[in-house]
């Protein structure tokens, strides 16, 4: 892979952290915007990384970031919004993507990678999240030949410190009985390092430009099976009760107003369609994805063991 100037939007996120490390090891010059520079000083250990505090929703800031770039990678995304009408998703996914494409064209950036989602569709998406992601894809596809692009559509992404498996793990630690919404929703969890490997391959292989790659892990589970596997990996016995559709909607309507919005009506709507691939994007890149069931015990297993040790110490007064 030739050394390039690459701007990574959303570099401080879950996927971004791992991607930046891989890109830095390849010797690329990286530009990473952030709203709070002080919170991400750990990035500065990388020898050729610019950590720039700015608001990426301002067009002039994007123009400055993209000047002289060989590639832009957009990892920015939210699973929930502060509002309840889709305006937050529209702002972060659709409006920002439009500004990114315009700045890429204005600064003659030749290549854009966008991290979207399985089932993203501006017309058929059942949730604000999926419709806004779908419209962002449309904007990129309409950008013209002067901007090459690759769109990645992963199923749910997992890995150490993710917000998916760890959120369930946190709840399982405190709830002896777990009421689970949308238990029959099916998905093929994809390992974060495999997603990063695809991005690295896209940067190096022009044959992947212009493609939309669906990324799914090799195993398919229902959401209830995933939660049960997480509980087993943590070596904790929990009863997982799958809720009906009506109770799932009720749980979403209530949890939507909890601090941090742990589950929302929009999340529930996204789960109405299975997060599964109809095409094998990994096959097109020559990458063999990892198994969720083999990796998840590696970092969730020690959690319960540590909790048991801490509990024993407290009981012993140590």
Foldseek 3Di string as FASTA:
>chain_A
DDAWEEEEEPLVDDLNVVLLVVNLVVPHQYEYEDQDQVVPCVSVVRPRYHYHHDDLLDLVVLLVSCARGQEYEYPWDDPDDPDDPLPRLLSGQPSSLLSNLVSCVVRLHAEYEYEAAFQQALPPQQFSRSNSSNNSVVSVLPSDNSHWYEYEHEWAEDDPPDPPLVVLLVVVVPDQEAEDEQQQAKFAYFYSVLVSVVVVLVVVDVVRIPYYAYAGAPDMDGNNVSSVLLCVLQVHRHHYHYDDNVVNQVVQPVLCPPVVSPHHNRNNSNSVHHRDDPDHRCVVSVDHTDHPSVCSSVPNNVVNVVVVVVVVCVVVVD
